[in-house]
Amino acid sequence: MEKKGKYRLIITAMEIRGNCPVFKPGDKIVVESPKIIAKETDNICIHAFGGMLSILVPLSHGESFKKLGLSKEEGEKGYMQCLDPGKPYTNGGTVIFEIKRERL
């Protein structure tokens, strides 16, 4: 079920596995496509944001989280993770993000 319209996306760092030099749990990125709402955003990581970029526009226009493979059920939230795999492959870590949306 797709809900067409314009949506605000609230991306929250939910869990950190390993060492993330950018985010801590609870940090947010707020997007009103095509803008990042800087005054409501705690931080941005180019590795994590680069991985999210291709799905932010469809989500901000009502595309299904389930159809995009970001949730098990239809609804207004889904999940993604950072591209950094962490130990033993890198010195970093991965972050699990929850993406919620609100109709504008």
C-alpha atoms as a PDB file:
ATOM      1  CA  MET A   1       0.000   0.000   0.000  1.00  0.00           C
ATOM      2  CA  GLU A   2       1.635   3.219  -1.151  1.00  0.00           C
ATOM      3  CA  LYS A   3       0.581   6.531   0.344  1.00  0.00           C
ATOM      4  CA  LYS A   4       1.434   9.228  -2.145  1.00  0.00           C
ATOM      5  CA  GLY A   5       2.237  12.658  -0.826  1.00  0.00           C
ATOM      6  CA  LYS A   6       5.164  14.445   0.773  1.00  0.00           C
ATOM      7  CA  TYR A   7       6.780  13.140   3.942  1.00  0.00           C
ATOM      8  CA  ARG A   8       9.360  14.203   6.511  1.00  0.00           C
ATOM      9  CA  LEU A   9      11.871  11.460   7.381  1.00  0.00           C
ATOM     10  CA  ILE A  10      13.361  11.106  10.849  1.00  0.00           C
ATOM     11  CA  ILE A  11      16.396   8.818  10.783  1.00  0.00           C
ATOM     12  CA  THR A  12      17.527   7.712  14.250  1.00  0.00           C
ATOM     13  CA  ALA A  13      20.674   5.807  15.231  1.00  0.00           C
ATOM     14  CA  MET A  14      19.165   2.938  17.215  1.00  0.00           C
ATOM     15  CA  GLU A  15      22.105   0.614  17.842  1.00  0.00           C
ATOM     16  CA  ILE A  16      25.862   0.756  17.336  1.00  0.00           C
ATOM     17  CA  ARG A  17      27.841  -2.437  16.798  1.00  0.00           C
ATOM     18  CA  GLY A  18      31.518  -1.706  17.257  1.00  0.00           C
ATOM     19  CA  ASN A  19      33.005   1.788  17.222  1.00  0.00           C
ATOM     20  CA  CYS A  20      31.262   4.609  15.365  1.00  0.00           C
ATOM     21  CA  PRO A  21      33.157   7.910  15.433  1.00  0.00           C
ATOM     22  CA  VAL A  22      30.106   9.873  14.247  1.00  0.00           C
ATOM     23  CA  PHE A  23      26.890   8.679  15.902  1.00  0.00           C
ATOM     24  CA  LYS A  24      25.708   7.735  19.353  1.00  0.00           C
ATOM     25  CA  PRO A  25      22.358   6.018  20.035  1.00  0.00           C
ATOM     26  CA  GLY A  26      19.487   8.465  19.669  1.00  0.00           C
ATOM     27  CA  ASP A  27      21.228  10.798  17.212  1.00  0.00           C
ATOM     28  CA  LYS A  28      18.926  11.965  14.420  1.00  0.00           C
ATOM     29  CA  ILE A  29      19.029  13.108  10.812  1.00  0.00           C
ATOM     30  CA  VAL A  30      15.886  14.940   9.657  1.00  0.00           C
ATOM     31  CA  VAL A  31      15.087  15.115   5.938  1.00  0.00           C
ATOM     32  CA  GLU A  32      12.377  17.042   4.101  1.00  0.00           C
ATOM     33  CA  SER A  33      13.400  16.102   0.579  1.00  0.00           C
ATOM     34  CA  PRO A  34      15.414  17.556  -0.996  1.00  0.00           C
ATOM     35  CA  LYS A  35      16.643  19.274   2.216  1.00  0.00           C
ATOM     36  CA  ILE A  36      18.411  18.009   5.302  1.00  0.00           C
ATOM     37  CA  ILE A  37      16.992  20.009   8.214  1.00  0.00           C
ATOM     38  CA  ALA A  38      20.334  20.984   9.765  1.00  0.00           C
ATOM     39  CA  LYS A  39      18.965  22.567  12.955  1.00  0.00           C
ATOM     40  CA  GLU A  40      17.207  19.268  13.844  1.00  0.00           C
ATOM     41  CA  THR A  41      20.068  16.993  12.726  1.00  0.00           C
ATOM     42  CA  ASP A  42      22.722  15.844  15.205  1.00  0.00           C
ATOM     43  CA  ASN A  43      25.326  14.644  12.712  1.00  0.00           C
ATOM     44  CA  ILE A  44      25.802  13.178   9.225  1.00  0.00           C
ATOM     45  CA  CYS A  45      28.239  10.467   8.193  1.00  0.00           C
ATOM     46  CA  ILE A  46      29.073  10.287   4.487  1.00  0.00           C
ATOM     47  CA  HIS A  47      29.393   6.492   4.624  1.00  0.00           C
ATOM     48  CA  ALA A  48      25.988   5.913   6.217  1.00  0.00           C
ATOM     49  CA  PHE A  49      24.203   8.718   4.370  1.00  0.00           C
ATOM     50  CA  GLY A  50      25.614   7.575   1.026  1.00  0.00           C
ATOM     51  CA  GLY A  51      24.038   4.175   1.575  1.00  0.00           C
ATOM     52  CA  MET A  52      20.661   5.732   2.415  1.00  0.00           C
ATOM     53  CA  LEU A  53      20.555   8.333  -0.319  1.00  0.00           C
ATOM     54  CA  SER A  54      18.944   6.231  -3.053  1.00  0.00           C
ATOM     55  CA  ILE A  55      15.919   5.331  -0.903  1.00  0.00           C
ATOM     56  CA  LEU A  56      15.270   8.706   0.761  1.00  0.00           C
ATOM     57  CA  VAL A  57      13.458  10.257  -2.203  1.00  0.00           C
ATOM     58  CA  PRO A  58      11.085   7.305  -2.762  1.00  0.00           C
ATOM     59  CA  LEU A  59      10.348   7.123   0.983  1.00  0.00           C
ATOM     60  CA  SER A  60       9.715  10.871   1.149  1.00  0.00           C
ATOM     61  CA  HIS A  61       7.068  10.418  -1.560  1.00  0.00           C
ATOM     62  CA  GLY A  62       5.246   7.549   0.146  1.00  0.00           C
ATOM     63  CA  GLU A  63       6.902   4.431  -1.279  1.00  0.00           C
ATOM     64  CA  SER A  64       6.358   1.336   0.864  1.00  0.00           C
ATOM     65  CA  PHE A  65       9.078   0.471   3.395  1.00  0.00           C
ATOM     66  CA  LYS A  66       8.135  -3.199   2.947  1.00  0.00           C
ATOM     67  CA  LYS A  67       8.359  -3.007  -0.852  1.00  0.00           C
ATOM     68  CA  LEU A  68      11.857  -1.488  -0.540  1.00  0.00           C
ATOM     69  CA  GLY A  69      12.921  -4.318   1.799  1.00  0.00           C
ATOM     70  CA  LEU A  70      13.249  -2.090   4.867  1.00  0.00           C
ATOM     71  CA  SER A  71      10.538  -3.684   7.024  1.00  0.00           C
ATOM     72  CA  LYS A  72       8.635  -6.945   7.434  1.00  0.00           C
ATOM     73  CA  GLU A  73       5.219  -5.285   7.489  1.00  0.00           C
ATOM     74  CA  GLU A  74       3.529  -2.254   5.964  1.00  0.00           C
ATOM     75  CA  GLY A  75       3.800   0.863   8.100  1.00  0.00           C
ATOM     76  CA  GLU A  76       5.554   4.178   8.545  1.00  0.00           C
ATOM     77  CA  LYS A  77       8.970   2.951   9.646  1.00  0.00           C
ATOM     78  CA  GLY A  78      11.799   0.790   8.421  1.00  0.00           C
ATOM     79  CA  TYR A  79      15.423  -0.036   9.136  1.00  0.00           C
ATOM     80  CA  MET A  80      18.828   0.255   7.452  1.00  0.00           C
ATOM     81  CA  GLN A  81      22.411  -0.042   8.548  1.00  0.00           C
ATOM     82  CA  CYS A  82      25.690   1.690   7.850  1.00  0.00           C
ATOM     83  CA  LEU A  83      28.006   0.217   5.230  1.00  0.00           C
ATOM     84  CA  ASP A  84      30.977  -0.125   7.634  1.00  0.00           C
ATOM     85  CA  PRO A  85      31.136  -3.794   8.723  1.00  0.00           C
ATOM     86  CA  GLY A  86      33.362  -3.131  11.751  1.00  0.00           C
ATOM     87  CA  LYS A  87      35.756  -5.641  13.345  1.00  0.00           C
ATOM     88  CA  PRO A  88      37.545  -7.683  12.162  1.00  0.00           C
ATOM     89  CA  TYR A  89      37.300  -5.988   8.760  1.00  0.00           C
ATOM     90  CA  THR A  90      37.629  -2.309   9.746  1.00  0.00           C
ATOM     91  CA  ASN A  91      38.360  -0.294  12.892  1.00  0.00           C
ATOM     92  CA  GLY A  92      34.868   1.178  12.802  1.00  0.00           C
ATOM     93  CA  GLY A  93      31.461  -0.306  13.346  1.00  0.00           C
ATOM     94  CA  THR A  94      27.994  -0.399  11.919  1.00  0.00           C
ATOM     95  CA  VAL A  95      24.981   1.603  13.017  1.00  0.00           C
ATOM     96  CA  ILE A  96      21.399   0.340  12.803  1.00  0.00           C
ATOM     97  CA  PHE A  97      19.068   3.197  11.805  1.00  0.00           C
ATOM     98  CA  GLU A  98      15.317   3.456  12.175  1.00  0.00           C
ATOM     99  CA  ILE A  99      13.624   5.620   9.536  1.00  0.00           C
ATOM    100  CA  LYS A 100      10.205   7.011  10.488  1.00  0.00           C
ATOM    101  CA  ARG A 101       8.101   9.252   8.334  1.00  0.00           C
ATOM    102  CA  GLU A 102       5.472  11.873   8.996  1.00  0.00           C
ATOM    103  CA  ARG A 103       3.166  13.402   6.429  1.00  0.00           C
ATOM    104  CA  LEU A 104       3.900  17.059   5.688  1.00  0.00           C
END
